[in-house]
Protein backbone atom coordinates (compact mmCIF):
# COMPACT_ATOMS: atom_id res chain seq x y z
CA MET A 1 21.80 -5.10 4.40
CA PRO A 2 22.51 -2.47 1.83
CA GLY A 3 22.61 -3.91 -1.27
CA ILE A 4 21.09 -6.90 -0.87
CA GLY A 5 20.41 -7.10 -4.66
CA ASP A 6 16.48 -8.09 -4.14
CA PRO A 7 14.25 -4.89 -4.40
CA ARG A 8 11.68 -7.05 -2.32
CA PHE A 9 14.02 -6.94 0.44
CA GLU A 10 15.79 -3.76 0.35
CA ARG A 11 15.68 -1.76 3.67
CA SER A 12 13.31 -4.24 4.96
CA VAL A 13 12.77 -5.21 8.52
CA ILE A 14 11.51 -8.73 9.10
CA ALA A 15 10.41 -10.08 12.76
CA MET A 16 11.15 -13.54 12.52
CA CYS A 17 8.37 -15.52 14.00
CA ALA A 18 9.24 -19.21 13.56
CA HIS A 19 12.76 -20.91 12.02
CA ASP A 20 13.50 -24.28 12.29
CA SER A 21 14.84 -27.50 10.42
CA GLU A 22 11.38 -27.21 8.38
CA GLY A 23 12.06 -23.75 7.18
CA ALA A 24 11.29 -20.15 8.73
CA LEU A 25 8.46 -17.32 8.52
CA GLY A 26 8.85 -13.78 9.24
CA ILE A 27 6.53 -10.44 9.10
CA GLY A 28 8.07 -7.59 7.37
CA LEU A 29 7.59 -4.33 9.42
CA GLY A 30 9.77 -1.96 7.35
CA ALA A 31 6.99 -0.36 5.08
CA THR A 32 3.19 0.20 5.10
CA ILE A 33 0.73 -0.28 2.12
CA ASP A 34 -0.09 2.68 0.62
CA GLY A 35 -3.69 3.42 1.47
CA LEU A 36 -4.34 0.75 3.33
CA GLY A 37 -5.50 1.28 7.25
CA PHE A 38 -6.68 -1.16 9.70
CA HIS A 39 -10.23 0.10 9.45
CA ASP A 40 -10.10 -1.09 5.77
CA LEU A 41 -9.20 -4.65 6.96
CA LEU A 42 -11.89 -4.62 9.39
CA ASP A 43 -14.55 -3.39 6.90
CA GLN A 44 -13.49 -6.41 4.33
CA PHE A 45 -14.81 -8.75 7.57
CA GLU A 46 -17.95 -6.41 8.39
CA ILE A 47 -16.18 -5.69 11.69
CA ALA A 48 -17.43 -2.35 13.23
CA HIS A 49 -14.68 -0.21 13.93
CA GLY A 50 -15.25 -0.04 17.68
CA VAL A 51 -12.30 1.14 19.27
CA ALA A 52 -9.76 0.13 17.00
CA GLU A 53 -7.15 2.78 16.18
CA ASP A 54 -6.98 3.31 12.18
CA LYS A 55 -3.14 1.86 12.16
CA ARG A 56 -1.39 1.38 8.67
CA VAL A 57 -0.95 -1.84 7.52
CA HIS A 58 2.44 -3.13 7.16
CA PHE A 59 3.84 -5.12 3.99
CA GLY A 60 4.33 -8.15 5.59
CA GLY A 61 5.94 -10.01 2.74
CA PRO A 62 5.94 -11.35 -1.03
CA VAL A 63 4.42 -14.78 -0.12
CA GLU A 64 0.51 -14.72 0.17
CA PRO A 65 -0.15 -10.82 0.20
CA ARG A 66 -3.80 -11.13 0.86
CA ARG A 67 -3.48 -13.30 3.76
CA GLY A 68 -3.43 -11.10 7.30
CA PHE A 69 -1.21 -11.63 10.38
CA VAL A 70 -0.86 -9.65 13.70
CA ILE A 71 2.37 -8.92 15.65
CA HIS A 72 1.25 -8.26 19.36
CA SER A 73 2.01 -8.19 22.58
CA SER A 74 1.64 -11.21 24.77
CA ASP A 75 -1.30 -10.16 26.47
CA TRP A 76 -3.72 -11.71 24.72
CA GLY A 77 -4.07 -15.33 22.65
CA GLY A 78 -6.30 -16.67 20.32
CA GLN A 79 -7.13 -19.56 18.73
CA ASP A 80 -4.13 -19.62 16.39
CA THR A 81 -1.66 -17.28 18.33
CA ILE A 82 1.88 -18.79 18.63
CA ASP A 83 4.57 -17.52 21.17
CA VAL A 84 7.58 -15.82 19.59
CA ALA A 85 10.44 -16.84 22.08
CA GLY A 86 8.65 -15.10 24.89
CA ARG A 87 8.95 -11.36 23.15
CA TRP A 88 5.96 -11.16 21.00
CA ALA A 89 3.20 -13.40 19.43
CA LEU A 90 1.62 -13.54 16.29
CA SER A 91 -2.08 -14.54 15.24
CA GLY A 92 -3.59 -14.66 12.04
CA THR A 93 -7.20 -15.34 11.97
CA VAL A 94 -10.22 -13.08 12.45
CA ASP A 95 -10.82 -13.81 15.98
CA ILE A 96 -7.77 -11.07 17.02
CA LEU A 97 -9.52 -8.47 14.73
CA ARG A 98 -12.54 -8.68 16.63
CA ALA A 99 -10.70 -8.56 19.88
CA ILE A 100 -8.69 -5.55 18.80
CA ALA A 101 -11.98 -3.53 17.72
CA GLY A 102 -13.50 -4.61 20.64
CA GLY A 103 -11.43 -3.35 22.96
CA THR A 104 -10.64 -6.93 24.47
CA GLY A 105 -7.29 -7.50 22.18
CA PRO A 106 -3.61 -7.09 22.74
CA ALA A 107 -2.15 -3.86 24.09
CA GLN A 108 0.07 -3.61 21.46
CA TRP A 109 -0.29 -4.87 17.97
CA ILE A 110 0.91 -4.22 14.35
CA ALA A 111 -1.31 -5.67 11.20
CA ALA A 112 0.16 -6.99 8.16
CA LEU A 113 -0.56 -8.67 4.62
CA GLY A 114 1.65 -11.15 3.41
CA TYR A 115 4.81 -12.89 4.98
CA ALA A 116 8.34 -13.52 3.85
CA GLY A 117 8.80 -17.21 3.81
CA TRP A 118 11.90 -19.88 3.53
CA GLY A 119 12.14 -23.39 2.80
CA GLU A 120 13.96 -26.03 4.78
CA GLY A 121 17.71 -24.76 5.06
CA GLN A 122 16.87 -21.86 2.59
CA LEU A 123 17.68 -19.01 5.36
CA ASP A 124 20.17 -20.86 7.18
CA ALA A 125 22.35 -20.52 3.67
CA GLU A 126 21.17 -17.25 3.09
CA LEU A 127 22.59 -16.12 6.19
CA THR A 128 25.63 -17.07 5.67
CA ARG A 129 26.35 -14.97 2.16
CA HIS A 130 26.11 -10.89 2.22
CA GLY A 131 22.43 -9.75 2.49
CA TRP A 132 20.88 -9.94 6.16
CA PHE A 133 21.78 -8.13 9.37
CA SER A 134 20.33 -10.14 12.35
CA THR A 135 19.80 -8.38 15.61
CA LYS A 136 17.76 -9.24 18.69
CA GLY A 137 14.35 -8.50 18.17
CA ASP A 138 13.47 -4.99 20.57
CA ILE A 139 10.15 -4.54 21.50
CA ALA A 140 10.47 -0.98 21.25
CA LEU A 141 11.73 -1.37 17.81
CA LEU A 142 8.14 -3.00 17.01
CA TYR A 143 5.84 -1.04 18.55
CA ASP A 144 7.69 2.27 19.52
CA THR A 145 9.10 3.48 16.19
CA ALA A 146 7.95 4.19 12.69
CA ALA A 147 8.11 1.51 9.86
CA GLU A 148 9.85 3.83 7.83
CA ASP A 149 12.26 4.55 10.89
CA ARG A 150 13.01 0.84 11.67
CA TRP A 151 15.84 -0.37 9.19
CA SER A 152 17.95 2.54 10.50
CA ALA A 153 16.96 2.09 14.11
CA ALA A 154 17.80 -1.44 14.06
CA TYR A 155 21.24 -0.34 12.80
CA ASP A 156 21.87 2.29 15.79
CA GLY A 157 20.68 0.02 18.08
CA ALA A 158 23.63 -1.72 17.04
CA GLY A 159 25.88 0.63 16.60
CA ILE A 160 26.16 0.61 13.33
CA ASP A 161 26.06 3.12 10.82
CA PRO A 162 25.17 1.44 7.43
CA ARG A 163 26.25 3.94 5.34
CA MET A 164 29.48 2.45 6.22
CA LEU A 165 29.09 -0.92 5.18
CA ALA A 166 30.16 -2.22 1.63
CA ASN A 167 27.79 -4.29 -0.48
CA ARG A 168 30.80 -6.23 -2.02
CA THR A 169 34.03 -7.69 -0.84
CA GLY A 170 37.55 -6.92 -2.49
CA THR A 171 40.31 -9.65 -3.76
CA ALA A 172 43.47 -10.01 -2.28
């Protein structure tokens, strides 16, 4: 939400991929990493670019910023792929990079470095306070909306103008 108070999450959009009694994990999709494209990731693993589009790589979050993840459509699965509520999938091993480059990967995908993570009960507690706005995961928001437009588009999709929100409450 506006005024969250943590610059790492200001205007962030996080695709929640796991949330249970042990904690939560999400991938940030609201910002990209300047100067880093998908071909750069492939080069680091000495994978030929093949048919892979050189999409911008997203800042997935402040935790393990050198660890890569791919959020993708459910039409592909690899050795570590997890289904996210039947809406999208998450993979984090090099096999998805090879599949995308080779033209056998998922139809839709977004690459990110790092993730946002919360320990047991931490996210649940944060959600009771000002800071986070939760909305249903919209596939068009993931794949058809530019990273820099996702935050505003999420609010628009919920019929909310974020400029009208206050980041503090008054006293009576």
